[in-house]
PDB file of N, CA and C in Angstrom:
ATOM      1  N   UNK A   1     162.183  89.589 119.568  1.00  0.00           N
ATOM      2  CA  UNK A   1     160.758  89.089 120.584  1.00  0.00           C
ATOM      3  C   UNK A   1     160.459  89.655 121.403  1.00  0.00           C
ATOM      4  N   UNK A   2     159.169  89.866 121.496  1.00  0.00           N
ATOM      5  CA  UNK A   2     158.660  91.152 122.363  1.00  0.00           C
ATOM      6  C   UNK A   2     158.510  90.866 123.820  1.00  0.00           C
ATOM      7  N   UNK A   3     158.309  92.005 124.271  1.00  0.00           N
ATOM      8  CA  UNK A   3     158.616  91.866 125.778  1.00  0.00           C
ATOM      9  C   UNK A   3     157.868  90.904 126.683  1.00  0.00           C
ATOM     10  N   UNK A   4     156.476  90.621 126.203  1.00  0.00           N
ATOM     11  CA  UNK A   4     155.588  90.036 126.931  1.00  0.00           C
ATOM     12  C   UNK A   4     156.133  88.819 126.502  1.00  0.00           C
ATOM     13  N   UNK A   5     156.475  88.475 125.246  1.00  0.00           N
ATOM     14  CA  UNK A   5     156.610  86.979 124.859  1.00  0.00           C
ATOM     15  C   UNK A   5     158.030  86.369 126.192  1.00  0.00           C
ATOM     16  N   UNK A   6     159.117  87.245 126.036  1.00  0.00           N
ATOM     17  CA  UNK A   6     160.293  87.479 126.917  1.00  0.00           C
ATOM     18  C   UNK A   6     159.772  86.686 128.152  1.00  0.00           C
ATOM     19  N   UNK A   7     158.851  87.737 128.484  1.00  0.00           N
ATOM     20  CA  UNK A   7     158.658  87.292 130.049  1.00  0.00           C
ATOM     21  C   UNK A   7     157.892  85.773 130.399  1.00  0.00           C
ATOM     22  N   UNK A   8     157.004  85.729 129.587  1.00  0.00           N
ATOM     23  CA  UNK A   8     156.444  84.444 129.400  1.00  0.00           C
ATOM     24  C   UNK A   8     157.621  83.219 129.083  1.00  0.00           C
ATOM     25  N   UNK A   9     158.648  83.382 128.159  1.00  0.00           N
ATOM     26  CA  UNK A   9     159.725  82.197 127.713  1.00  0.00           C
ATOM     27  C   UNK A   9     160.316  82.472 129.091  1.00  0.00           C
ATOM     28  N   UNK A  10     160.103  83.482 130.577  1.00  0.00           N
ATOM     29  CA  UNK A  10     161.208  83.290 131.490  1.00  0.00           C
ATOM     30  C   UNK A  10     160.402  82.265 132.580  1.00  0.00           C
ATOM     31  N   UNK A  11     159.213  82.343 132.467  1.00  0.00           N
ATOM     32  CA  UNK A  11     158.285  81.656 133.258  1.00  0.00           C
ATOM     33  C   UNK A  11     158.314  80.469 133.137  1.00  0.00           C
ATOM     34  N   UNK A  12     158.200  80.050 131.810  1.00  0.00           N
ATOM     35  CA  UNK A  12     158.762  78.531 131.557  1.00  0.00           C
ATOM     36  C   UNK A  12     159.419  77.895 131.870  1.00  0.00           C
ATOM     37  N   UNK A  13     160.498  78.528 132.113  1.00  0.00           N
ATOM     38  CA  UNK A  13     161.633  77.544 132.783  1.00  0.00           C
ATOM     39  C   UNK A  13     161.603  77.630 134.340  1.00  0.00           C
ATOM     40  N   UNK A  14     161.005  78.117 135.023  1.00  0.00           N
ATOM     41  CA  UNK A  14     160.794  78.022 136.613  1.00  0.00           C
ATOM     42  C   UNK A  14     160.518  76.922 136.831  1.00  0.00           C
ATOM     43  N   UNK A  15     161.233  76.446 138.022  1.00  0.00           N
ATOM     44  CA  UNK A  15     161.309  74.808 138.650  1.00  0.00           C
ATOM     45  C   UNK A  15     160.807  75.068 140.015  1.00  0.00           C
ATOM     46  N   UNK A  16     161.060  73.929 140.109  1.00  0.00           N
ATOM     47  CA  UNK A  16     160.557  73.949 142.074  1.00  0.00           C
ATOM     48  C   UNK A  16     161.726  74.534 142.680  1.00  0.00           C
ATOM     49  N   UNK A  17     163.220  74.033 142.570  1.00  0.00           N
ATOM     50  CA  UNK A  17     163.697  74.808 143.268  1.00  0.00           C
ATOM     51  C   UNK A  17     163.825  76.416 143.152  1.00  0.00           C
ATOM     52  N   UNK A  18     163.371  77.031 142.003  1.00  0.00           N
ATOM     53  CA  UNK A  18     163.328  78.356 141.728  1.00  0.00           C
ATOM     54  C   UNK A  18     161.927  78.902 142.462  1.00  0.00           C
ATOM     55  N   UNK A  19     160.814  78.258 142.466  1.00  0.00           N
ATOM     56  CA  UNK A  19     159.887  78.218 143.739  1.00  0.00           C
ATOM     57  C   UNK A  19     159.866  78.411 144.467  1.00  0.00           C
ATOM     58  N   UNK A  20     160.695  77.925 145.263  1.00  0.00           N
ATOM     59  CA  UNK A  20     161.130  77.562 146.684  1.00  0.00           C
ATOM     60  C   UNK A  20     161.628  78.808 147.024  1.00  0.00           C
ATOM     61  N   UNK A  21     162.568  79.438 146.006  1.00  0.00           N
ATOM     62  CA  UNK A  21     163.453  80.246 146.258  1.00  0.00           C
ATOM     63  C   UNK A  21     162.576  81.514 146.825  1.00  0.00           C
ATOM     64  N   UNK A  22     161.619  81.697 145.486  1.00  0.00           N
ATOM     65  CA  UNK A  22     160.972  82.839 145.470  1.00  0.00           C
ATOM     66  C   UNK A  22     160.262  82.810 146.644  1.00  0.00           C
ATOM     67  N   UNK A  23     159.483  81.945 146.934  1.00  0.00           N
ATOM     68  CA  UNK A  23     158.723  81.632 148.212  1.00  0.00           C
ATOM     69  C   UNK A  23     159.461  82.237 149.499  1.00  0.00           C
ATOM     70  N   UNK A  24     160.969  81.756 149.722  1.00  0.00           N
ATOM     71  CA  UNK A  24     161.368  81.775 150.807  1.00  0.00           C
ATOM     72  C   UNK A  24     161.437  83.739 150.861  1.00  0.00           C
ATOM     73  N   UNK A  25     162.241  83.814 149.358  1.00  0.00           N
ATOM     74  CA  UNK A  25     162.540  86.017 149.829  1.00  0.00           C
ATOM     75  C   UNK A  25     161.013  86.237 149.911  1.00  0.00           C
ATOM     76  N   UNK A  26     159.761  86.218 149.589  1.00  0.00           N
ATOM     77  CA  UNK A  26     158.501  86.339 149.940  1.00  0.00           C
ATOM     78  C   UNK A  26     157.964  86.360 151.398  1.00  0.00           C
ATOM     79  N   UNK A  27     158.927  85.344 152.080  1.00  0.00           N
ATOM     80  CA  UNK A  27     158.777  84.956 153.338  1.00  0.00           C
ATOM     81  C   UNK A  27     159.295  85.923 154.054  1.00  0.00           C
ATOM     82  N   UNK A  28     160.578  86.081 153.657  1.00  0.00           N
ATOM     83  CA  UNK A  28     161.444  86.912 154.354  1.00  0.00           C
ATOM     84  C   UNK A  28     160.831  88.552 154.020  1.00  0.00           C
ATOM     85  N   UNK A  29     160.350  88.862 153.032  1.00  0.00           N
ATOM     86  CA  UNK A  29     160.178  90.505 152.664  1.00  0.00           C
ATOM     87  C   UNK A  29     158.775  90.384 153.573  1.00  0.00           C
ATOM     88  N   UNK A  30     157.694  89.528 153.260  1.00  0.00           N
ATOM     89  CA  UNK A  30     156.318  89.723 154.004  1.00  0.00           C
ATOM     90  C   UNK A  30     156.106  89.009 155.066  1.00  0.00           C
ATOM     91  N   UNK A  31     157.110  88.653 155.757  1.00  0.00           N
ATOM     92  CA  UNK A  31     156.803  87.446 156.675  1.00  0.00           C
ATOM     93  C   UNK A  31     155.821  88.246 157.960  1.00  0.00           C
ATOM     94  N   UNK A  32     155.678  89.307 158.479  1.00  0.00           N
ATOM     95  CA  UNK A  32     155.191  90.021 159.796  1.00  0.00           C
ATOM     96  C   UNK A  32     153.895  90.089 159.163  1.00  0.00           C
ATOM     97  N   UNK A  33     153.578  90.460 157.888  1.00  0.00           N
ATOM     98  CA  UNK A  33     152.508  91.043 157.328  1.00  0.00           C
ATOM     99  C   UNK A  33     151.510  89.660 156.930  1.00  0.00           C
ATOM    100  N   UNK A  34     152.046  88.850 156.205  1.00  0.00           N
ATOM    101  CA  UNK A  34     151.016  87.457 156.040  1.00  0.00           C
ATOM    102  C   UNK A  34     150.018  86.938 156.795  1.00  0.00           C
ATOM    103  N   UNK A  35     149.707  87.308 157.819  1.00  0.00           N
ATOM    104  CA  UNK A  35     148.781  86.881 158.965  1.00  0.00           C
ATOM    105  C   UNK A  35     147.721  87.758 157.937  1.00  0.00           C
ATOM    106  N   UNK A  36     148.094  88.945 158.185  1.00  0.00           N
ATOM    107  CA  UNK A  36     147.364  90.116 157.686  1.00  0.00           C
ATOM    108  C   UNK A  36     146.874  90.150 156.411  1.00  0.00           C
ATOM    109  N   UNK A  37     148.063  89.893 155.523  1.00  0.00           N
ATOM    110  CA  UNK A  37     147.555  89.921 153.845  1.00  0.00           C
ATOM    111  C   UNK A  37     146.581  88.496 153.688  1.00  0.00           C
ATOM    112  N   UNK A  38     146.896  87.557 154.484  1.00  0.00           N
ATOM    113  CA  UNK A  38     145.946  86.105 154.071  1.00  0.00           C
ATOM    114  C   UNK A  38     144.349  86.878 154.738  1.00  0.00           C
ATOM    115  N   UNK A  39     143.943  87.080 155.990  1.00  0.00           N
ATOM    116  CA  UNK A  39     142.702  87.893 156.475  1.00  0.00           C
ATOM    117  C   UNK A  39     142.214  88.260 155.476  1.00  0.00           C
ATOM    118  N   UNK A  40     143.061  89.660 155.450  1.00  0.00           N
ATOM    119  CA  UNK A  40     142.320  90.095 153.766  1.00  0.00           C
ATOM    120  C   UNK A  40     142.019  89.850 152.646  1.00  0.00           C
ATOM    121  N   UNK A  41     142.822  88.943 152.050  1.00  0.00           N
ATOM    122  CA  UNK A  41     142.474  88.249 151.178  1.00  0.00           C
ATOM    123  C   UNK A  41     141.262  86.896 151.595  1.00  0.00           C
ATOM    124  N   UNK A  42     141.012  86.493 152.416  1.00  0.00           N
ATOM    125  CA  UNK A  42     140.112  85.853 152.843  1.00  0.00           C
ATOM    126  C   UNK A  42     138.534  86.524 152.998  1.00  0.00           C
ATOM    127  N   UNK A  43     138.637  88.077 153.681  1.00  0.00           N
ATOM    128  CA  UNK A  43     137.340  88.455 153.566  1.00  0.00           C
ATOM    129  C   UNK A  43     137.252  88.935 152.128  1.00  0.00           C
ATOM    130  N   UNK A  44     138.133  89.572 151.248  1.00  0.00           N
ATOM    131  CA  UNK A  44     137.951  89.797 149.817  1.00  0.00           C
ATOM    132  C   UNK A  44     137.262  88.599 149.196  1.00  0.00           C
ATOM    133  N   UNK A  45     137.427  87.523 149.015  1.00  0.00           N
ATOM    134  CA  UNK A  45     137.289  86.323 148.661  1.00  0.00           C
ATOM    135  C   UNK A  45     135.475  85.866 149.166  1.00  0.00           C
ATOM    136  N   UNK A  46     135.477  86.102 150.374  1.00  0.00           N
ATOM    137  CA  UNK A  46     133.973  85.784 151.040  1.00  0.00           C
ATOM    138  C   UNK A  46     133.036  87.160 150.741  1.00  0.00           C
ATOM    139  N   UNK A  47     133.936  88.428 150.484  1.00  0.00           N
ATOM    140  CA  UNK A  47     132.847  89.669 149.893  1.00  0.00           C
ATOM    141  C   UNK A  47     132.148  89.099 148.210  1.00  0.00           C
ATOM    142  N   UNK A  48     133.497  88.661 147.931  1.00  0.00           N
ATOM    143  CA  UNK A  48     133.050  88.328 146.118  1.00  0.00           C
ATOM    144  C   UNK A  48     132.087  87.350 145.946  1.00  0.00           C
ATOM    145  N   UNK A  49     132.233  85.953 146.918  1.00  0.00           N
ATOM    146  CA  UNK A  49     131.202  85.272 146.696  1.00  0.00           C
ATOM    147  C   UNK A  49     129.474  85.666 147.225  1.00  0.00           C
ATOM    148  N   UNK A  50     129.633  86.671 148.194  1.00  0.00           N
ATOM    149  CA  UNK A  50     128.306  87.329 148.810  1.00  0.00           C
ATOM    150  C   UNK A  50     127.814  87.939 147.634  1.00  0.00           C
ATOM    151  N   UNK A  51     128.520  88.838 147.015  1.00  0.00           N
ATOM    152  CA  UNK A  51     128.233  89.564 145.758  1.00  0.00           C
ATOM    153  C   UNK A  51     127.795  88.145 144.971  1.00  0.00           C
ATOM    154  N   UNK A  52     128.221  87.474 144.855  1.00  0.00           N
ATOM    155  CA  UNK A  52     128.083  86.623 143.534  1.00  0.00           C
ATOM    156  C   UNK A  52     126.603  85.759 143.916  1.00  0.00           C
ATOM    157  N   UNK A  53     126.565  85.776 144.959  1.00  0.00           N
ATOM    158  CA  UNK A  53     125.205  85.325 145.582  1.00  0.00           C
ATOM    159  C   UNK A  53     123.786  85.996 145.747  1.00  0.00           C
ATOM    160  N   UNK A  54     124.315  87.334 146.021  1.00  0.00           N
ATOM    161  CA  UNK A  54     123.304  88.536 145.822  1.00  0.00           C
ATOM    162  C   UNK A  54     122.489  88.385 144.162  1.00  0.00           C
ATOM    163  N   UNK A  55     123.719  88.988 143.378  1.00  0.00           N
ATOM    164  CA  UNK A  55     123.182  88.711 142.215  1.00  0.00           C
ATOM    165  C   UNK A  55     122.090  87.340 141.451  1.00  0.00           C
ATOM    166  N   UNK A  56     122.890  86.340 141.869  1.00  0.00           N
ATOM    167  CA  UNK A  56     122.198  85.338 141.410  1.00  0.00           C
ATOM    168  C   UNK A  56     120.426  85.158 141.897  1.00  0.00           C
ATOM    169  N   UNK A  57     120.552  85.975 143.515  1.00  0.00           N
ATOM    170  CA  UNK A  57     119.353  85.860 144.177  1.00  0.00           C
ATOM    171  C   UNK A  57     118.542  86.763 143.343  1.00  0.00           C
ATOM    172  N   UNK A  58     118.938  88.014 143.039  1.00  0.00           N
ATOM    173  CA  UNK A  58     118.179  88.618 142.286  1.00  0.00           C
ATOM    174  C   UNK A  58     117.970  88.213 140.821  1.00  0.00           C
ATOM    175  N   UNK A  59     118.349  87.606 139.835  1.00  0.00           N
ATOM    176  CA  UNK A  59     118.200  87.057 139.087  1.00  0.00           C
ATOM    177  C   UNK A  59     117.068  86.064 139.142  1.00  0.00           C
ATOM    178  N   UNK A  60     117.039  85.378 140.136  1.00  0.00           N
ATOM    179  CA  UNK A  60     115.894  83.917 140.680  1.00  0.00           C
ATOM    180  C   UNK A  60     114.943  84.702 140.831  1.00  0.00           C
ATOM    181  N   UNK A  61     114.850  86.157 141.666  1.00  0.00           N
ATOM    182  CA  UNK A  61     113.769  86.390 142.573  1.00  0.00           C
ATOM    183  C   UNK A  61     112.861  87.088 141.297  1.00  0.00           C
ATOM    184  N   UNK A  62     113.601  87.615 140.517  1.00  0.00           N
ATOM    185  CA  UNK A  62     112.697  87.916 139.370  1.00  0.00           C
ATOM    186  C   UNK A  62     111.641  87.889 138.693  1.00  0.00           C
ATOM    187  N   UNK A  63     110.506  88.100 138.849  1.00  0.00           N
ATOM    188  CA  UNK A  63     109.352  87.609 137.975  1.00  0.00           C
ATOM    189  C   UNK A  63     109.581  87.680 136.689  1.00  0.00           C
ATOM    190  N   UNK A  64     109.482  86.663 135.893  1.00  0.00           N
ATOM    191  CA  UNK A  64     109.647  86.772 134.296  1.00  0.00           C
ATOM    192  C   UNK A  64     108.269  87.211 133.766  1.00  0.00           C
ATOM    193  N   UNK A  65     108.656  88.027 132.777  1.00  0.00           N
ATOM    194  CA  UNK A  65     107.886  89.129 132.442  1.00  0.00           C
ATOM    195  C   UNK A  65     107.731  88.831 131.206  1.00  0.00           C
ATOM    196  N   UNK A  66     106.614  88.398 130.417  1.00  0.00           N
ATOM    197  CA  UNK A  66     106.782  88.410 129.411  1.00  0.00           C
ATOM    198  C   UNK A  66     107.036  89.681 127.911  1.00  0.00           C
ATOM    199  N   UNK A  67     107.515  89.261 126.917  1.00  0.00           N
ATOM    200  CA  UNK A  67     107.846  90.449 125.976  1.00  0.00           C
ATOM    201  C   UNK A  67     106.528  91.064 125.431  1.00  0.00           C
ATOM    202  N   UNK A  68     106.916  92.179 125.391  1.00  0.00           N
ATOM    203  CA  UNK A  68     105.788  92.613 124.397  1.00  0.00           C
ATOM    204  C   UNK A  68     105.921  92.667 122.963  1.00  0.00           C
ATOM    205  N   UNK A  69     105.118  92.134 122.093  1.00  0.00           N
ATOM    206  CA  UNK A  69     105.061  92.231 121.137  1.00  0.00           C
ATOM    207  C   UNK A  69     104.185  92.811 120.357  1.00  0.00           C
ATOM    208  N   UNK A  70     105.276  94.229 119.324  1.00  0.00           N
ATOM    209  CA  UNK A  70     104.619  95.155 118.795  1.00  0.00           C
ATOM    210  C   UNK A  70     104.154  94.816 117.470  1.00  0.00           C
ATOM    211  N   UNK A  71     103.027  95.440 117.080  1.00  0.00           N
ATOM    212  CA  UNK A  71     102.092  94.950 115.579  1.00  0.00           C
ATOM    213  C   UNK A  71     103.191  95.200 114.803  1.00  0.00           C
ATOM    214  N   UNK A  72     102.987  94.503 113.772  1.00  0.00           N
ATOM    215  CA  UNK A  72     103.906  95.146 112.499  1.00  0.00           C
ATOM    216  C   UNK A  72     103.265  96.264 111.849  1.00  0.00           C
ATOM    217  N   UNK A  73     103.953  96.696 111.188  1.00  0.00           N
ATOM    218  CA  UNK A  73     103.293  98.191 110.755  1.00  0.00           C
ATOM    219  C   UNK A  73     103.499  98.039 108.944  1.00  0.00           C
ATOM    220  N   UNK A  74     104.082  97.189 108.592  1.00  0.00           N
ATOM    221  CA  UNK A  74     104.130  96.901 106.845  1.00  0.00           C
ATOM    222  C   UNK A  74     105.390  97.646 106.552  1.00  0.00           C
ATOM    223  N   UNK A  75     105.284  98.458 105.515  1.00  0.00           N
ATOM    224  CA  UNK A  75     106.467  98.812 104.929  1.00  0.00           C
ATOM    225  C   UNK A  75     106.338 100.577 105.727  1.00  0.00           C
ATOM    226  N   UNK A  76     107.522 100.556 106.369  1.00  0.00           N
ATOM    227  CA  UNK A  76     108.024 101.860 107.381  1.00  0.00           C
ATOM    228  C   UNK A  76     108.263 103.092 106.476  1.00  0.00           C
ATOM    229  N   UNK A  77     108.620 103.008 105.502  1.00  0.00           N
ATOM    230  CA  UNK A  77     109.304 103.876 104.807  1.00  0.00           C
ATOM    231  C   UNK A  77     107.633 105.335 103.706  1.00  0.00           C
ATOM    232  N   UNK A  78     106.564 103.898 103.711  1.00  0.00           N
ATOM    233  CA  UNK A  78     105.288 104.653 103.243  1.00  0.00           C
ATOM    234  C   UNK A  78     104.960 105.243 104.477  1.00  0.00           C
ATOM    235  N   UNK A  79     104.584 104.901 105.928  1.00  0.00           N
ATOM    236  CA  UNK A  79     103.956 104.956 106.624  1.00  0.00           C
ATOM    237  C   UNK A  79     104.353 106.289 107.672  1.00  0.00           C
ATOM    238  N   UNK A  80     105.400 106.423 107.224  1.00  0.00           N
ATOM    239  CA  UNK A  80     106.220 107.431 108.311  1.00  0.00           C
ATOM    240  C   UNK A  80     106.530 108.692 107.606  1.00  0.00           C
ATOM    241  N   UNK A  81     105.403 108.907 106.290  1.00  0.00           N
ATOM    242  CA  UNK A  81     105.507 110.339 105.923  1.00  0.00           C
ATOM    243  C   UNK A  81     106.539 110.946 104.571  1.00  0.00           C
ATOM    244  N   UNK A  82     107.197 110.011 104.963  1.00  0.00           N
ATOM    245  CA  UNK A  82     108.770 110.524 104.328  1.00  0.00           C
ATOM    246  C   UNK A  82     108.871 109.590 103.014  1.00  0.00           C
ATOM    247  N   UNK A  83     108.085 110.654 102.053  1.00  0.00           N
ATOM    248  CA  UNK A  83     108.515 109.855 100.623  1.00  0.00           C
ATOM    249  C   UNK A  83     109.743 110.477  99.651  1.00  0.00           C
ATOM    250  N   UNK A  84     110.414 111.166 100.197  1.00  0.00           N
ATOM    251  CA  UNK A  84     111.715 111.691  99.647  1.00  0.00           C
ATOM    252  C   UNK A  84     111.586 112.565  98.695  1.00  0.00           C
ATOM    253  N   UNK A  85     110.658 112.816  98.189  1.00  0.00           N
ATOM    254  CA  UNK A  85     110.393 113.785  97.561  1.00  0.00           C
ATOM    255  C   UNK A  85     110.251 115.616  98.152  1.00  0.00           C
ATOM    256  N   UNK A  86     110.659 116.308  97.788  1.00  0.00           N
ATOM    257  CA  UNK A  86     110.519 117.672  98.419  1.00  0.00           C
ATOM    258  C   UNK A  86     109.677 118.986  98.003  1.00  0.00           C
TER     259      UNK A  86
END
């Protein structure tokens, strides 16, 4: 069994008690920094959404330009002057 598949197999067996234990360990390790982490995560989400809105506004505000259709030239090999003979 490959390593990623082994990790995924492990994750499938995690239940509620295991998740609570993981949460408590994370709380013990990062308890003092959790407000700071939450703030920075919130700021990141706000900035991401703002960027998406800016992109959407740019796309919606851009005037639609008609595509220029080039005239058909027929057989390109004959008109290019490349006859193939030396």
